[in-house]
Amino acid sequence: MELTQSVLLAVVIVLTIFLVVLGFQVFYVLRDLRKTLGRLNRLFDDADSLVSEVKKPIEKAGTILSGLTTGATIAHLLSRGDKKGDKDGKREGK
């Protein structure tokens, strides 16, 4: 074998070993990435359920406040209606 053939064979062997090692590293990185994405997905699911649990009482409180506001408005309108009726009734009675 000539010198150039020996050098080329050595380079091919070194590059092959390098690419095999690199392939294993990529495999491990992708496997760790898959595990990390799975954990992240579970974290987002837990956060979503937590937010929905916190949102329920806030929505109920908003509904109660809306009902109270509507009730106060109706009571105010009824009390104004009674005052108008009293004034009209007094005028008719005189």
N, C-alpha and C. Protein backbone atom coordinates (compact mmCIF):
# COMPACT_ATOMS: atom_id res chain seq x y z
N MET A 1 0.83 -1.18 0.00
CA MET A 1 0.00 0.00 0.00
C MET A 1 0.86 1.23 0.00
N GLU A 2 0.37 2.17 -0.71
CA GLU A 2 1.11 3.43 -0.78
C GLU A 2 0.76 4.29 0.42
N LEU A 3 1.49 5.35 0.54
CA LEU A 3 1.31 6.28 1.66
C LEU A 3 -0.06 6.98 1.57
N THR A 4 -0.46 7.42 0.40
CA THR A 4 -1.76 8.11 0.26
C THR A 4 -2.92 7.18 0.58
N GLN A 5 -2.82 5.94 0.16
CA GLN A 5 -3.89 4.99 0.47
C GLN A 5 -3.97 4.75 1.98
N SER A 6 -2.85 4.67 2.63
CA SER A 6 -2.82 4.47 4.09
C SER A 6 -3.41 5.67 4.81
N VAL A 7 -3.07 6.87 4.35
CA VAL A 7 -3.60 8.09 4.96
C VAL A 7 -5.11 8.17 4.74
N LEU A 8 -5.56 7.89 3.53
CA LEU A 8 -7.00 7.92 3.25
C LEU A 8 -7.75 6.88 4.07
N LEU A 9 -7.19 5.70 4.22
CA LEU A 9 -7.82 4.66 5.03
C LEU A 9 -7.90 5.09 6.50
N ALA A 10 -6.85 5.70 7.01
CA ALA A 10 -6.84 6.19 8.39
C ALA A 10 -7.89 7.29 8.57
N VAL A 11 -8.00 8.20 7.60
CA VAL A 11 -8.99 9.29 7.67
C VAL A 11 -10.41 8.72 7.63
N VAL A 12 -10.64 7.74 6.77
CA VAL A 12 -11.97 7.13 6.67
C VAL A 12 -12.32 6.43 7.98
N ILE A 13 -11.37 5.73 8.58
CA ILE A 13 -11.62 5.04 9.84
C ILE A 13 -11.92 6.05 10.96
N VAL A 14 -11.14 7.10 11.04
CA VAL A 14 -11.35 8.12 12.07
C VAL A 14 -12.70 8.81 11.87
N LEU A 15 -13.05 9.16 10.64
CA LEU A 15 -14.34 9.81 10.38
C LEU A 15 -15.50 8.87 10.68
N THR A 16 -15.34 7.60 10.38
CA THR A 16 -16.39 6.63 10.68
C THR A 16 -16.62 6.53 12.18
N ILE A 17 -15.54 6.43 12.92
CA ILE A 17 -15.65 6.37 14.39
C ILE A 17 -16.29 7.66 14.91
N PHE A 18 -15.87 8.79 14.39
CA PHE A 18 -16.42 10.08 14.80
C PHE A 18 -17.92 10.15 14.51
N LEU A 19 -18.35 9.72 13.34
CA LEU A 19 -19.77 9.77 12.98
C LEU A 19 -20.60 8.81 13.82
N VAL A 20 -20.04 7.64 14.16
CA VAL A 20 -20.77 6.69 15.01
C VAL A 20 -20.97 7.29 16.40
N VAL A 21 -19.92 7.89 16.96
CA VAL A 21 -20.03 8.52 18.28
C VAL A 21 -21.02 9.68 18.22
N LEU A 22 -20.96 10.46 17.17
CA LEU A 22 -21.88 11.58 17.00
C LEU A 22 -23.33 11.09 16.88
N GLY A 23 -23.52 9.99 16.18
CA GLY A 23 -24.86 9.42 16.06
C GLY A 23 -25.42 9.00 17.42
N PHE A 24 -24.59 8.37 18.26
CA PHE A 24 -25.04 8.01 19.59
C PHE A 24 -25.39 9.25 20.42
N GLN A 25 -24.58 10.27 20.30
CA GLN A 25 -24.85 11.51 21.05
C GLN A 25 -26.17 12.14 20.60
N VAL A 26 -26.43 12.15 19.33
CA VAL A 26 -27.69 12.71 18.81
C VAL A 26 -28.86 11.88 19.32
N PHE A 27 -28.70 10.56 19.34
CA PHE A 27 -29.74 9.68 19.85
C PHE A 27 -30.06 10.01 21.31
N TYR A 28 -29.03 10.16 22.15
CA TYR A 28 -29.25 10.47 23.56
C TYR A 28 -29.86 11.85 23.75
N VAL A 29 -29.43 12.81 22.96
CA VAL A 29 -30.00 14.16 23.06
C VAL A 29 -31.48 14.14 22.68
N LEU A 30 -31.82 13.45 21.62
CA LEU A 30 -33.23 13.38 21.21
C LEU A 30 -34.07 12.63 22.24
N ARG A 31 -33.51 11.59 22.85
CA ARG A 31 -34.23 10.86 23.89
C ARG A 31 -34.48 11.75 25.10
N ASP A 32 -33.47 12.52 25.52
CA ASP A 32 -33.65 13.45 26.63
C ASP A 32 -34.64 14.55 26.28
N LEU A 33 -34.61 15.00 25.04
CA LEU A 33 -35.56 16.02 24.60
C LEU A 33 -36.99 15.49 24.66
N ARG A 34 -37.17 14.23 24.29
CA ARG A 34 -38.50 13.62 24.34
C ARG A 34 -38.99 13.55 25.78
N LYS A 35 -38.12 13.15 26.71
CA LYS A 35 -38.50 13.10 28.13
C LYS A 35 -38.84 14.49 28.65
N THR A 36 -38.04 15.47 28.27
CA THR A 36 -38.27 16.84 28.73
C THR A 36 -39.58 17.38 28.20
N LEU A 37 -39.89 17.11 26.94
CA LEU A 37 -41.15 17.57 26.37
C LEU A 37 -42.34 16.88 27.04
N GLY A 38 -42.19 15.62 27.40
CA GLY A 38 -43.25 14.91 28.13
C GLY A 38 -43.50 15.55 29.50
N ARG A 39 -42.42 15.88 30.20
CA ARG A 39 -42.57 16.54 31.50
C ARG A 39 -43.18 17.92 31.35
N LEU A 40 -42.77 18.63 30.33
CA LEU A 40 -43.32 19.96 30.07
C LEU A 40 -44.81 19.87 29.74
N ASN A 41 -45.20 18.86 29.01
CA ASN A 41 -46.61 18.66 28.68
C ASN A 41 -47.43 18.38 29.94
N ARG A 42 -46.90 17.55 30.83
CA ARG A 42 -47.60 17.30 32.10
C ARG A 42 -47.68 18.56 32.94
N LEU A 43 -46.62 19.37 32.93
CA LEU A 43 -46.62 20.62 33.68
C LEU A 43 -47.70 21.56 33.15
N PHE A 44 -47.84 21.65 31.83
CA PHE A 44 -48.87 22.50 31.25
C PHE A 44 -50.27 21.97 31.55
N ASP A 45 -50.44 20.66 31.57
CA ASP A 45 -51.73 20.08 31.92
C ASP A 45 -52.09 20.40 33.37
N ASP A 46 -51.10 20.29 34.27
CA ASP A 46 -51.35 20.62 35.67
C ASP A 46 -51.67 22.11 35.83
N ALA A 47 -50.96 22.96 35.12
CA ALA A 47 -51.22 24.39 35.19
C ALA A 47 -52.61 24.71 34.65
N ASP A 48 -53.01 24.03 33.60
CA ASP A 48 -54.35 24.25 33.02
C ASP A 48 -55.43 23.85 34.01
N SER A 49 -55.26 22.72 34.67
CA SER A 49 -56.27 22.30 35.65
C SER A 49 -56.29 23.24 36.85
N LEU A 50 -55.12 23.74 37.25
CA LEU A 50 -55.05 24.69 38.37
C LEU A 50 -55.76 25.99 38.02
N VAL A 51 -55.52 26.47 36.81
CA VAL A 51 -56.17 27.71 36.38
C VAL A 51 -57.68 27.53 36.30
N SER A 52 -58.14 26.40 35.82
CA SER A 52 -59.59 26.17 35.74
C SER A 52 -60.20 26.07 37.13
N GLU A 53 -59.48 25.50 38.10
CA GLU A 53 -59.98 25.41 39.46
C GLU A 53 -60.04 26.80 40.12
N VAL A 54 -59.10 27.65 39.80
CA VAL A 54 -59.10 29.01 40.35
C VAL A 54 -60.17 29.86 39.66
N LYS A 55 -60.41 29.58 38.40
CA LYS A 55 -61.36 30.38 37.61
C LYS A 55 -62.80 30.15 38.05
N LYS A 56 -63.14 28.95 38.47
CA LYS A 56 -64.52 28.62 38.84
C LYS A 56 -65.06 29.52 39.95
N PRO A 57 -64.38 29.67 41.11
CA PRO A 57 -64.93 30.54 42.16
C PRO A 57 -65.00 32.00 41.73
N ILE A 58 -64.06 32.43 40.92
CA ILE A 58 -64.08 33.82 40.47
C ILE A 58 -65.29 34.07 39.58
N GLU A 59 -65.60 33.12 38.70
CA GLU A 59 -66.79 33.26 37.85
C GLU A 59 -68.06 33.25 38.69
N LYS A 60 -68.10 32.39 39.72
CA LYS A 60 -69.28 32.35 40.58
C LYS A 60 -69.45 33.66 41.33
N ALA A 61 -68.34 34.22 41.82
CA ALA A 61 -68.41 35.50 42.52
C ALA A 61 -68.89 36.59 41.57
N GLY A 62 -68.44 36.57 40.34
CA GLY A 62 -68.91 37.54 39.35
C GLY A 62 -70.39 37.40 39.07
N THR A 63 -70.88 36.16 39.03
CA THR A 63 -72.30 35.93 38.81
C THR A 63 -73.12 36.44 39.99
N ILE A 64 -72.63 36.20 41.19
CA ILE A 64 -73.32 36.69 42.38
C ILE A 64 -73.36 38.21 42.40
N LEU A 65 -72.24 38.85 42.11
CA LEU A 65 -72.21 40.31 42.08
C LEU A 65 -73.12 40.86 40.99
N SER A 66 -73.18 40.20 39.88
CA SER A 66 -74.08 40.63 38.80
C SER A 66 -75.53 40.51 39.25
N GLY A 67 -75.87 39.44 39.94
CA GLY A 67 -77.23 39.27 40.46
C GLY A 67 -77.58 40.32 41.49
N LEU A 68 -76.63 40.62 42.37
CA LEU A 68 -76.87 41.66 43.37
C LEU A 68 -77.08 43.02 42.72
N THR A 69 -76.28 43.32 41.72
CA THR A 69 -76.43 44.59 41.02
C THR A 69 -77.78 44.67 40.33
N THR A 70 -78.18 43.60 39.70
CA THR A 70 -79.50 43.58 39.04
C THR A 70 -80.60 43.73 40.08
N GLY A 71 -80.51 43.04 41.20
CA GLY A 71 -81.50 43.16 42.27
C GLY A 71 -81.57 44.56 42.83
N ALA A 72 -80.41 45.20 43.03
CA ALA A 72 -80.39 46.58 43.53
C ALA A 72 -81.03 47.52 42.53
N THR A 73 -80.79 47.30 41.25
CA THR A 73 -81.39 48.15 40.22
C THR A 73 -82.91 47.98 40.22
N ILE A 74 -83.38 46.77 40.33
CA ILE A 74 -84.83 46.52 40.35
C ILE A 74 -85.44 47.14 41.60
N ALA A 75 -84.78 46.99 42.75
CA ALA A 75 -85.29 47.58 43.99
C ALA A 75 -85.35 49.10 43.88
N HIS A 76 -84.35 49.69 43.27
CA HIS A 76 -84.32 51.14 43.09
C HIS A 76 -85.46 51.58 42.18
N LEU A 77 -85.69 50.85 41.11
CA LEU A 77 -86.78 51.21 40.19
C LEU A 77 -88.14 51.04 40.87
N LEU A 78 -88.30 49.99 41.66
CA LEU A 78 -89.56 49.79 42.37
C LEU A 78 -89.80 50.87 43.41
N SER A 79 -88.74 51.27 44.10
CA SER A 79 -88.91 52.33 45.11
C SER A 79 -89.23 53.66 44.44
N ARG A 80 -88.68 53.93 43.30
CA ARG A 80 -89.02 55.15 42.56
C ARG A 80 -90.45 55.08 42.06
N GLY A 81 -90.89 53.90 41.66
CA GLY A 81 -92.25 53.71 41.18
C GLY A 81 -93.25 53.92 42.31
N ASP A 82 -92.92 53.49 43.52
CA ASP A 82 -93.82 53.70 44.66
C ASP A 82 -93.92 55.18 45.00
N LYS A 83 -92.85 55.92 44.93
CA LYS A 83 -92.87 57.35 45.22
C LYS A 83 -93.73 58.09 44.19
N LYS A 84 -93.61 57.71 42.93
CA LYS A 84 -94.44 58.33 41.90
C LYS A 84 -95.89 58.00 42.13
N GLY A 85 -96.19 56.77 42.50
CA GLY A 85 -97.57 56.36 42.77
C GLY A 85 -98.14 57.10 43.96
N ASP A 86 -97.32 57.34 45.00
CA ASP A 86 -97.78 58.08 46.16
C ASP A 86 -98.10 59.51 45.79
N LYS A 87 -97.28 60.13 45.00
CA LYS A 87 -97.53 61.51 44.60
C LYS A 87 -98.80 61.59 43.76
N ASP A 88 -98.99 60.66 42.84
CA ASP A 88 -100.18 60.67 42.01
C ASP A 88 -101.42 60.40 42.87
N GLY A 89 -101.28 59.50 43.83
CA GLY A 89 -102.41 59.18 44.68
C GLY A 89 -102.81 60.37 45.56
N LYS A 90 -101.87 61.12 46.05
CA LYS A 90 -102.15 62.27 46.90
C LYS A 90 -102.85 63.35 46.09
N ARG A 91 -102.44 63.51 44.84
CA ARG A 91 -103.05 64.54 44.01
C ARG A 91 -104.52 64.20 43.73
N GLU A 92 -104.78 62.92 43.51
CA GLU A 92 -106.14 62.52 43.21
C GLU A 92 -107.01 62.62 44.46
N GLY A 93 -106.44 62.40 45.58
CA GLY A 93 -107.21 62.45 46.82
C GLY A 93 -107.58 63.87 47.21
N LYS A 94 -106.88 64.89 46.78
CA LYS A 94 -107.16 66.27 47.17
C LYS A 94 -108.28 66.85 46.46
